[in-house]
Amino acid sequence: MAGAEQARRRNAGMPDVAARAGVGIATVDRVLNERGSVHVDTARRVIEVARALGLRRTLPLPYARKLRLDVLLARSETPFCARLQQAFMRIAAPLDHSVIIQRSTLDQTKPRHVARRIRESAADGVILYCEEHCAILEAIGGLARRGLPVICLTTDLPTAPRLAYVGIDHTRAGRTAARGEGSALVLTSSLGYRAHRRTKPWRRPSVKAAVPDRSRSWVTY
């Protein structure tokens, strides 16, 4: 009998773990490969059974819930957004498997699509760079009601219940630019971003503005 038990242990596979733990094979796969979406108690039971059966593979450390962050950038074509992407990649590289940073770039010309993506986030927190649009503000409010923190990056959305803003004071930046001598040309892809509106050096009396549409705008002084 002892020899038969040892043989079963040597040949144990995921179906054996699933049967002993009382779960499906898909659940065992998610736990052992650390894919998440499994209740803590269930994951611990699967790992304990796998260890007891002597499953011949590396087992995860005692199960701990992963921290998932959604980084949603509503522009992808600019060098600035490319640098943001690279920065998040550098930040994520040294982190262990307990922290997952998921990056997504969205079409800034479709704010309702951006809002839907925000509403559908299943992360523990969201970092946003997007326009100040009513649908987006409502989506952030929905996350706040679910208890999920939202951090605005580079451009603020102060009328939404976000947790914090990370970036410069764009109003002061615009005033600093207005103090200079000579002429300057300020380009922006969209005035839907609060950061772009706040940076414009309107304080200077000689400022002249031309904003023919939302896709192209400039100010000269």
Protein backbone atom coordinates (compact mmCIF):
# COMPACT_ATOMS: atom_id res chain seq x y z
CA MET A 1 0.00 0.00 0.00
CA ALA A 2 2.78 2.37 0.87
CA GLY A 3 4.44 1.68 -2.47
CA ALA A 4 1.18 2.36 -4.34
CA GLU A 5 0.75 5.66 -2.50
CA GLN A 6 4.30 6.70 -3.36
CA ALA A 7 3.68 5.82 -7.00
CA ARG A 8 0.54 7.97 -7.05
CA ARG A 9 2.50 10.85 -5.57
CA ARG A 10 5.21 10.54 -8.24
CA ASN A 11 2.58 10.56 -10.98
CA ALA A 12 0.32 13.22 -9.48
CA GLY A 13 -0.84 15.89 -11.89
CA MET A 14 -3.23 18.83 -11.93
CA PRO A 15 -6.32 16.56 -12.28
CA ASP A 16 -5.31 14.83 -9.03
CA VAL A 17 -4.86 18.18 -7.27
CA ALA A 18 -8.23 19.37 -8.59
CA ALA A 19 -10.01 16.22 -7.40
CA ARG A 20 -8.44 16.30 -3.92
CA ALA A 21 -9.02 20.06 -3.50
CA GLY A 22 -12.58 19.91 -4.81
CA VAL A 23 -12.05 22.44 -7.61
CA GLY A 24 -11.79 22.43 -11.39
CA ILE A 25 -8.57 21.92 -13.32
CA ALA A 26 -8.83 25.50 -14.63
CA THR A 27 -8.76 26.78 -11.04
CA VAL A 28 -5.68 24.69 -10.27
CA ASP A 29 -4.01 26.10 -13.39
CA ARG A 30 -4.79 29.71 -12.35
CA VAL A 31 -3.39 29.13 -8.86
CA LEU A 32 -0.22 27.26 -9.82
CA ASN A 33 0.58 29.66 -12.67
CA GLU A 34 -0.35 32.70 -10.56
CA ARG A 35 -2.97 34.02 -12.95
CA GLY A 36 -5.12 35.46 -10.16
CA SER A 37 -8.95 35.64 -9.96
CA VAL A 38 -9.11 32.88 -7.31
CA HIS A 39 -10.34 33.33 -3.73
CA VAL A 40 -7.52 33.38 -1.18
CA ASP A 41 -8.81 30.37 0.78
CA THR A 42 -9.27 28.30 -2.39
CA ALA A 43 -5.78 29.15 -3.61
CA ARG A 44 -4.23 28.16 -0.29
CA ARG A 45 -6.09 24.85 -0.32
CA VAL A 46 -4.90 24.09 -3.86
CA ILE A 47 -1.27 24.81 -2.93
CA GLU A 48 -1.50 22.70 0.23
CA VAL A 49 -2.96 19.76 -1.72
CA ALA A 50 -0.32 20.10 -4.45
CA ARG A 51 2.40 20.06 -1.80
CA ALA A 52 0.83 17.06 -0.02
CA LEU A 53 0.63 15.12 -3.30
CA GLY A 54 4.24 15.97 -4.08
CA LEU A 55 3.38 17.63 -7.38
CA ARG A 56 6.62 17.72 -9.35
CA ARG A 57 6.85 21.40 -10.15
CA THR A 58 7.72 24.65 -8.47
CA LEU A 59 4.82 25.76 -6.31
CA PRO A 60 3.91 29.40 -5.66
CA LEU A 61 4.76 30.98 -2.35
CA PRO A 62 1.96 31.00 0.23
CA TYR A 63 -0.83 32.70 -1.62
CA ALA A 64 -1.20 36.42 -1.30
CA ARG A 65 -3.57 38.60 -3.27
CA LYS A 66 -1.91 40.49 -6.11
CA LEU A 67 -2.06 44.26 -6.41
CA ARG A 68 -3.19 45.31 -9.87
CA LEU A 69 -2.84 48.84 -11.23
CA ASP A 70 -4.43 50.10 -14.44
CA VAL A 71 -2.46 52.81 -16.27
CA LEU A 72 -4.75 54.39 -18.87
CA LEU A 73 -3.13 56.86 -21.27
CA ALA A 74 -5.53 58.53 -23.68
CA ARG A 75 -2.84 59.38 -26.24
CA SER A 76 -0.16 57.24 -27.82
CA GLU A 77 1.28 59.19 -30.74
CA THR A 78 3.34 61.83 -28.91
CA PRO A 79 6.95 61.54 -27.70
CA PHE A 80 5.75 62.52 -24.22
CA CYS A 81 3.38 59.54 -24.04
CA ALA A 82 6.13 57.28 -25.35
CA ARG A 83 8.34 58.46 -22.47
CA LEU A 84 5.52 57.80 -20.01
CA GLN A 85 5.18 54.26 -21.33
CA GLN A 86 8.92 53.68 -20.98
CA ALA A 87 8.88 55.09 -17.45
CA PHE A 88 6.14 52.68 -16.35
CA MET A 89 8.04 49.80 -17.94
CA ARG A 90 11.12 50.74 -15.89
CA ILE A 91 9.04 50.99 -12.73
CA ALA A 92 7.41 47.60 -13.30
CA ALA A 93 10.64 45.73 -14.14
CA PRO A 94 12.03 45.32 -10.57
CA LEU A 95 8.65 44.58 -8.96
CA ASP A 96 7.82 41.05 -7.89
CA HIS A 97 4.80 39.11 -9.13
CA SER A 98 2.60 40.46 -6.36
CA VAL A 99 2.32 43.82 -8.16
CA ILE A 100 0.99 43.97 -11.72
CA ILE A 101 1.00 47.20 -13.74
CA GLN A 102 -1.21 46.98 -16.81
CA ARG A 103 -0.71 49.75 -19.38
CA SER A 104 -3.30 50.71 -22.00
CA THR A 105 -3.35 53.49 -24.60
CA LEU A 106 -6.74 54.79 -25.68
CA ASP A 107 -8.05 56.98 -28.49
CA GLN A 108 -8.35 60.54 -27.17
CA THR A 109 -10.87 61.37 -29.91
CA LYS A 110 -13.34 58.92 -28.37
CA PRO A 111 -13.83 60.07 -24.75
CA ARG A 112 -16.88 57.84 -24.24
CA HIS A 113 -14.76 54.84 -25.18
CA VAL A 114 -12.16 56.01 -22.65
CA ALA A 115 -14.93 56.37 -20.05
CA ARG A 116 -16.16 52.83 -20.73
CA ARG A 117 -12.63 51.47 -20.29
CA ILE A 118 -12.39 53.29 -16.94
CA ARG A 119 -15.72 51.89 -15.77
CA GLU A 120 -14.70 48.34 -16.75
CA SER A 121 -11.41 48.41 -14.83
CA ALA A 122 -11.01 45.42 -12.53
CA ALA A 123 -7.80 46.76 -10.97
CA ASP A 124 -7.17 47.86 -7.39
CA GLY A 125 -6.34 51.38 -8.54
CA VAL A 126 -6.26 53.47 -11.71
CA ILE A 127 -3.72 56.00 -13.00
CA LEU A 128 -5.17 58.30 -15.68
CA TYR A 129 -3.95 60.69 -18.34
CA CYS A 130 -7.00 61.85 -20.27
CA GLU A 131 -9.22 64.74 -21.28
CA GLU A 132 -11.67 66.52 -19.01
CA HIS A 133 -14.90 65.16 -20.48
CA CYS A 134 -18.23 64.71 -18.68
CA ALA A 135 -18.38 60.97 -19.47
CA ILE A 136 -14.86 60.47 -18.10
CA LEU A 137 -15.67 62.42 -14.94
CA GLU A 138 -18.77 60.28 -14.39
CA ALA A 139 -16.72 57.11 -14.90
CA ILE A 140 -14.21 58.23 -12.27
CA GLY A 141 -17.12 58.88 -9.92
CA GLY A 142 -18.22 55.29 -10.48
CA LEU A 143 -14.80 53.97 -9.48
CA ALA A 144 -14.83 56.15 -6.37
CA ARG A 145 -18.19 54.68 -5.35
CA ARG A 146 -16.63 51.22 -5.69
CA GLY A 147 -13.83 52.32 -3.38
CA LEU A 148 -11.13 52.32 -6.08
CA PRO A 149 -8.51 55.10 -5.91
CA VAL A 150 -7.85 57.16 -9.05
CA ILE A 151 -4.67 59.19 -9.57
CA CYS A 152 -4.51 61.80 -12.33
CA LEU A 153 -1.15 62.05 -14.06
CA THR A 154 0.22 65.21 -15.74
CA THR A 155 -3.22 66.75 -16.30
CA ASP A 156 -5.64 67.08 -13.39
CA LEU A 157 -9.37 66.36 -13.16
CA PRO A 158 -10.16 68.23 -9.92
CA THR A 159 -13.94 68.19 -10.44
CA ALA A 160 -13.88 64.37 -10.25
CA PRO A 161 -13.43 62.44 -6.99
CA ARG A 162 -9.85 61.42 -7.77
CA LEU A 163 -7.49 60.56 -4.92
CA ALA A 164 -4.57 62.72 -6.04
CA TYR A 165 -2.91 64.60 -8.89
CA VAL A 166 0.73 64.07 -9.87
CA GLY A 167 2.20 66.79 -12.07
CA ILE A 168 3.26 70.40 -12.25
CA ASP A 169 1.17 73.52 -11.62
CA HIS A 170 0.27 74.38 -15.20
CA THR A 171 -1.25 77.75 -14.32
CA ARG A 172 2.06 78.89 -12.84
CA ALA A 173 3.89 77.49 -15.85
CA GLY A 174 1.71 79.62 -18.14
CA ARG A 175 2.32 82.73 -16.07
CA THR A 176 6.06 82.09 -16.16
CA ALA A 177 5.96 81.82 -19.95
CA ALA A 178 4.01 85.08 -20.16
CA ARG A 179 6.79 86.99 -18.38
CA GLY A 180 9.26 86.39 -21.21
CA GLU A 181 10.20 88.83 -23.93
CA GLY A 182 9.65 88.39 -27.64
CA SER A 183 7.38 85.90 -29.34
CA ALA A 184 6.45 82.32 -28.65
CA LEU A 185 4.22 79.71 -30.20
CA VAL A 186 2.41 77.23 -27.98
CA LEU A 187 1.06 74.11 -29.69
CA THR A 188 -1.41 71.62 -28.31
CA SER A 189 -3.34 68.75 -29.82
CA SER A 190 -6.49 69.34 -27.77
CA LEU A 191 -7.84 71.92 -25.37
CA GLY A 192 -9.85 69.13 -23.78
CA TYR A 193 -6.85 68.59 -21.49
CA ARG A 194 -6.97 70.89 -18.46
CA ALA A 195 -3.16 71.03 -18.44
CA HIS A 196 -3.14 72.56 -21.93
CA ARG A 197 -5.78 75.15 -21.09
CA ARG A 198 -4.04 76.14 -17.86
CA THR A 199 -0.60 76.48 -19.44
CA LYS A 200 -1.69 79.09 -21.99
CA PRO A 201 -0.14 82.44 -21.00
CA TRP A 202 -3.41 84.40 -21.03
CA ARG A 203 -2.26 86.71 -18.24
CA ARG A 204 -0.13 88.79 -20.59
CA PRO A 205 -2.14 91.68 -22.13
CA SER A 206 -0.56 91.25 -25.58
CA VAL A 207 -1.53 87.60 -25.90
CA LYS A 208 -3.51 86.80 -29.03
CA ALA A 209 -5.20 83.46 -29.47
CA ALA A 210 -6.47 81.54 -32.46
CA VAL A 211 -8.35 78.33 -31.85
CA PRO A 212 -10.03 77.24 -35.11
CA ASP A 213 -10.97 73.75 -33.85
CA ARG A 214 -10.21 71.19 -31.14
CA SER A 215 -7.58 69.36 -33.16
CA ARG A 216 -5.30 72.37 -33.71
CA SER A 217 -4.83 75.36 -31.48
CA TRP A 218 -2.10 77.87 -30.88
CA VAL A 219 -1.40 81.07 -28.99
CA THR A 220 1.17 83.72 -29.89
CA TYR A 221 2.50 86.61 -27.89
